[in-house]
PDB file of N, CA and C in Angstrom:
ATOM      1  N   THR A   1     257.516  -5.566 108.676  1.00  0.00           N
ATOM      2  CA  THR A   1     256.775  -6.066 109.824  1.00  0.00           C
ATOM      3  C   THR A   1     255.596  -6.884 109.345  1.00  0.00           C
ATOM      4  N   LEU A   2     255.069  -7.695 110.223  1.00  0.00           N
ATOM      5  CA  LEU A   2     253.899  -8.480 109.843  1.00  0.00           C
ATOM      6  C   LEU A   2     252.713  -7.581 109.563  1.00  0.00           C
ATOM      7  N   LYS A   3     252.637  -6.440 110.231  1.00  0.00           N
ATOM      8  CA  LYS A   3     251.544  -5.511 109.958  1.00  0.00           C
ATOM      9  C   LYS A   3     251.611  -5.051 108.500  1.00  0.00           C
ATOM     10  N   PHE A   4     252.803  -4.806 108.011  1.00  0.00           N
ATOM     11  CA  PHE A   4     252.981  -4.393 106.626  1.00  0.00           C
ATOM     12  C   PHE A   4     252.470  -5.465 105.672  1.00  0.00           C
ATOM     13  N   LEU A   5     252.631  -6.733 106.033  1.00  0.00           N
ATOM     14  CA  LEU A   5     252.193  -7.828 105.170  1.00  0.00           C
ATOM     15  C   LEU A   5     250.681  -7.931 105.111  1.00  0.00           C
ATOM     16  N   GLY A   6     250.009  -7.307 106.035  1.00  0.00           N
ATOM     17  CA  GLY A   6     248.553  -7.354 106.047  1.00  0.00           C
ATOM     18  C   GLY A   6     248.041  -8.572 106.797  1.00  0.00           C
ATOM     19  N   GLU A   7     246.803  -8.907 106.544  1.00  0.00           N
ATOM     20  CA  GLU A   7     246.177 -10.043 107.218  1.00  0.00           C
ATOM     21  C   GLU A   7     246.740 -11.348 106.668  1.00  0.00           C
ATOM     22  N   ILE A   8     247.296 -12.164 107.558  1.00  0.00           N
ATOM     23  CA  ILE A   8     247.733 -13.497 107.156  1.00  0.00           C
ATOM     24  C   ILE A   8     247.113 -14.502 108.114  1.00  0.00           C
ATOM     25  N   SER A   9     246.745 -15.644 107.572  1.00  0.00           N
ATOM     26  CA  SER A   9     246.099 -16.671 108.392  1.00  0.00           C
ATOM     27  C   SER A   9     247.141 -17.447 109.187  1.00  0.00           C
ATOM     28  N   ASP A  10     246.673 -18.181 110.183  1.00  0.00           N
ATOM     29  CA  ASP A  10     247.572 -19.020 110.975  1.00  0.00           C
ATOM     30  C   ASP A  10     248.298 -20.024 110.081  1.00  0.00           C
ATOM     31  N   GLU A  11     247.631 -20.500 109.048  1.00  0.00           N
ATOM     32  CA  GLU A  11     248.237 -21.467 108.139  1.00  0.00           C
ATOM     33  C   GLU A  11     249.364 -20.852 107.311  1.00  0.00           C
ATOM     34  N   GLN A  12     249.312 -19.562 107.078  1.00  0.00           N
ATOM     35  CA  GLN A  12     250.318 -18.882 106.255  1.00  0.00           C
ATOM     36  C   GLN A  12     251.554 -18.479 107.047  1.00  0.00           C
ATOM     37  N   ILE A  13     251.459 -18.430 108.353  1.00  0.00           N
ATOM     38  CA  ILE A  13     252.551 -17.902 109.177  1.00  0.00           C
ATOM     39  C   ILE A  13     253.854 -18.656 108.949  1.00  0.00           C
ATOM     40  N   GLY A  14     253.801 -19.993 108.916  1.00  0.00           N
ATOM     41  CA  GLY A  14     255.020 -20.778 108.712  1.00  0.00           C
ATOM     42  C   GLY A  14     255.717 -20.434 107.407  1.00  0.00           C
ATOM     43  N   GLY A  15     254.953 -20.345 106.322  1.00  0.00           N
ATOM     44  CA  GLY A  15     255.532 -20.006 105.021  1.00  0.00           C
ATOM     45  C   GLY A  15     256.110 -18.606 104.993  1.00  0.00           C
ATOM     46  N   VAL A  16     255.414 -17.669 105.610  1.00  0.00           N
ATOM     47  CA  VAL A  16     255.899 -16.283 105.668  1.00  0.00           C
ATOM     48  C   VAL A  16     257.197 -16.233 106.464  1.00  0.00           C
ATOM     49  N   LYS A  17     257.238 -16.928 107.584  1.00  0.00           N
ATOM     50  CA  LYS A  17     258.443 -16.954 108.423  1.00  0.00           C
ATOM     51  C   LYS A  17     259.627 -17.515 107.640  1.00  0.00           C
ATOM     52  N   GLU A  18     259.414 -18.604 106.915  1.00  0.00           N
ATOM     53  CA  GLU A  18     260.489 -19.196 106.110  1.00  0.00           C
ATOM     54  C   GLU A  18     261.001 -18.213 105.069  1.00  0.00           C
ATOM     55  N   LYS A  19     260.105 -17.564 104.373  1.00  0.00           N
ATOM     56  CA  LYS A  19     260.508 -16.608 103.331  1.00  0.00           C
ATOM     57  C   LYS A  19     261.272 -15.426 103.922  1.00  0.00           C
ATOM     58  N   LEU A  20     260.830 -14.936 105.074  1.00  0.00           N
ATOM     59  CA  LEU A  20     261.524 -13.816 105.707  1.00  0.00           C
ATOM     60  C   LEU A  20     262.926 -14.218 106.142  1.00  0.00           C
ATOM     61  N   GLN A  21     263.090 -15.464 106.598  1.00  0.00           N
ATOM     62  CA  GLN A  21     264.407 -15.934 107.025  1.00  0.00           C
ATOM     63  C   GLN A  21     265.362 -16.105 105.849  1.00  0.00           C
ATOM     64  N   GLU A  22     264.840 -16.244 104.644  1.00  0.00           N
ATOM     65  CA  GLU A  22     265.672 -16.391 103.450  1.00  0.00           C
ATOM     66  C   GLU A  22     266.251 -15.062 102.968  1.00  0.00           C
ATOM     67  N   ILE A  23     265.726 -13.965 103.442  1.00  0.00           N
ATOM     68  CA  ILE A  23     266.185 -12.647 102.992  1.00  0.00           C
ATOM     69  C   ILE A  23     267.602 -12.407 103.492  1.00  0.00           C
ATOM     70  N   LYS A  24     268.486 -12.108 102.581  1.00  0.00           N
ATOM     71  CA  LYS A  24     269.883 -11.819 102.916  1.00  0.00           C
ATOM     72  C   LYS A  24     270.200 -10.403 102.449  1.00  0.00           C
ATOM     73  N   LEU A  25     270.661  -9.596 103.354  1.00  0.00           N
ATOM     74  CA  LEU A  25     271.028  -8.216 103.031  1.00  0.00           C
ATOM     75  C   LEU A  25     272.502  -8.006 103.351  1.00  0.00           C
ATOM     76  N   PRO A  26     273.194  -7.185 102.579  1.00  0.00           N
ATOM     77  CA  PRO A  26     274.601  -6.923 102.881  1.00  0.00           C
ATOM     78  C   PRO A  26     274.734  -6.113 104.172  1.00  0.00           C
ATOM     79  N   LEU A  27     275.836  -6.360 104.866  1.00  0.00           N
ATOM     80  CA  LEU A  27     276.123  -5.573 106.064  1.00  0.00           C
ATOM     81  C   LEU A  27     276.432  -4.139 105.655  1.00  0.00           C
ATOM     82  N   PHE A  28     276.176  -3.213 106.553  1.00  0.00           N
ATOM     83  CA  PHE A  28     276.528  -1.823 106.291  1.00  0.00           C
ATOM     84  C   PHE A  28     277.019  -1.201 107.582  1.00  0.00           C
ATOM     85  N   GLN A  29     277.773  -0.163 107.442  1.00  0.00           N
ATOM     86  CA  GLN A  29     278.328   0.535 108.589  1.00  0.00           C
ATOM     87  C   GLN A  29     277.564   1.838 108.795  1.00  0.00           C
ATOM     88  N   ALA A  30     277.303   2.157 110.040  1.00  0.00           N
ATOM     89  CA  ALA A  30     276.614   3.407 110.371  1.00  0.00           C
ATOM     90  C   ALA A  30     277.368   4.087 111.503  1.00  0.00           C
ATOM     91  N   SER A  31     277.315   5.381 111.516  1.00  0.00           N
ATOM     92  CA  SER A  31     277.940   6.126 112.607  1.00  0.00           C
ATOM     93  C   SER A  31     277.036   7.287 113.001  1.00  0.00           C
ATOM     94  N   LEU A  32     277.175   7.710 114.231  1.00  0.00           N
ATOM     95  CA  LEU A  32     276.389   8.829 114.750  1.00  0.00           C
ATOM     96  C   LEU A  32     277.321   9.980 115.076  1.00  0.00           C
ATOM     97  N   GLY A  33     276.836  11.164 114.884  1.00  0.00           N
ATOM     98  CA  GLY A  33     277.600  12.341 115.242  1.00  0.00           C
ATOM     99  C   GLY A  33     276.678  13.394 115.824  1.00  0.00           C
ATOM    100  N   GLU A  34     277.206  14.209 116.679  1.00  0.00           N
ATOM    101  CA  GLU A  34     276.449  15.286 117.305  1.00  0.00           C
ATOM    102  C   GLU A  34     275.156  14.791 117.943  1.00  0.00           C
ATOM    103  N   VAL A  35     275.269  13.732 118.738  1.00  0.00           N
ATOM    104  CA  VAL A  35     274.107  13.186 119.433  1.00  0.00           C
ATOM    105  C   VAL A  35     273.814  14.061 120.642  1.00  0.00           C
ATOM    106  N   GLY A  36     272.548  14.369 120.869  1.00  0.00           N
ATOM    107  CA  GLY A  36     272.177  15.207 121.999  1.00  0.00           C
ATOM    108  C   GLY A  36     270.802  14.847 122.515  1.00  0.00           C
ATOM    109  N   THR A  37     270.261  15.715 123.314  1.00  0.00           N
ATOM    110  CA  THR A  37     268.924  15.508 123.867  1.00  0.00           C
ATOM    111  C   THR A  37     268.110  16.775 123.673  1.00  0.00           C
ATOM    112  N   PHE A  38     266.806  16.624 123.758  1.00  0.00           N
ATOM    113  CA  PHE A  38     265.937  17.786 123.714  1.00  0.00           C
ATOM    114  C   PHE A  38     265.844  18.380 125.113  1.00  0.00           C
ATOM    115  N   SER A  39     265.788  19.679 125.184  1.00  0.00           N
ATOM    116  CA  SER A  39     265.650  20.316 126.489  1.00  0.00           C
ATOM    117  C   SER A  39     264.253  20.064 127.042  1.00  0.00           C
ATOM    118  N   LYS A  40     264.061  20.304 128.310  1.00  0.00           N
ATOM    119  CA  LYS A  40     262.789  20.047 128.974  1.00  0.00           C
ATOM    120  C   LYS A  40     261.639  20.784 128.290  1.00  0.00           C
ATOM    121  N   LYS A  41     261.873  21.965 127.757  1.00  0.00           N
ATOM    122  CA  LYS A  41     260.768  22.727 127.157  1.00  0.00           C
ATOM    123  C   LYS A  41     260.175  22.006 125.947  1.00  0.00           C
ATOM    124  N   PHE A  42     260.923  21.140 125.283  1.00  0.00           N
ATOM    125  CA  PHE A  42     260.400  20.393 124.142  1.00  0.00           C
ATOM    126  C   PHE A  42     259.715  19.096 124.556  1.00  0.00           C
ATOM    127  N   ARG A  43     259.915  18.629 125.789  1.00  0.00           N
ATOM    128  CA  ARG A  43     259.325  17.376 126.252  1.00  0.00           C
ATOM    129  C   ARG A  43     257.963  17.578 126.878  1.00  0.00           C
ATOM    130  N   ASP A  44     257.614  18.762 127.256  1.00  0.00           N
ATOM    131  CA  ASP A  44     256.330  19.004 127.943  1.00  0.00           C
ATOM    132  C   ASP A  44     255.228  19.342 126.967  1.00  0.00           C
TER     133      ASP A  44
END
């Protein structure tokens, strides 16, 4: 995130954006199992 990058000036934003767009990561597969919800007693 930009917050992680710290303080950047308006002049730096374009360069940062370009560098971030150059990042290439391999695709990966994810799956979910046993998805549920918390009961009301945990939400209050």
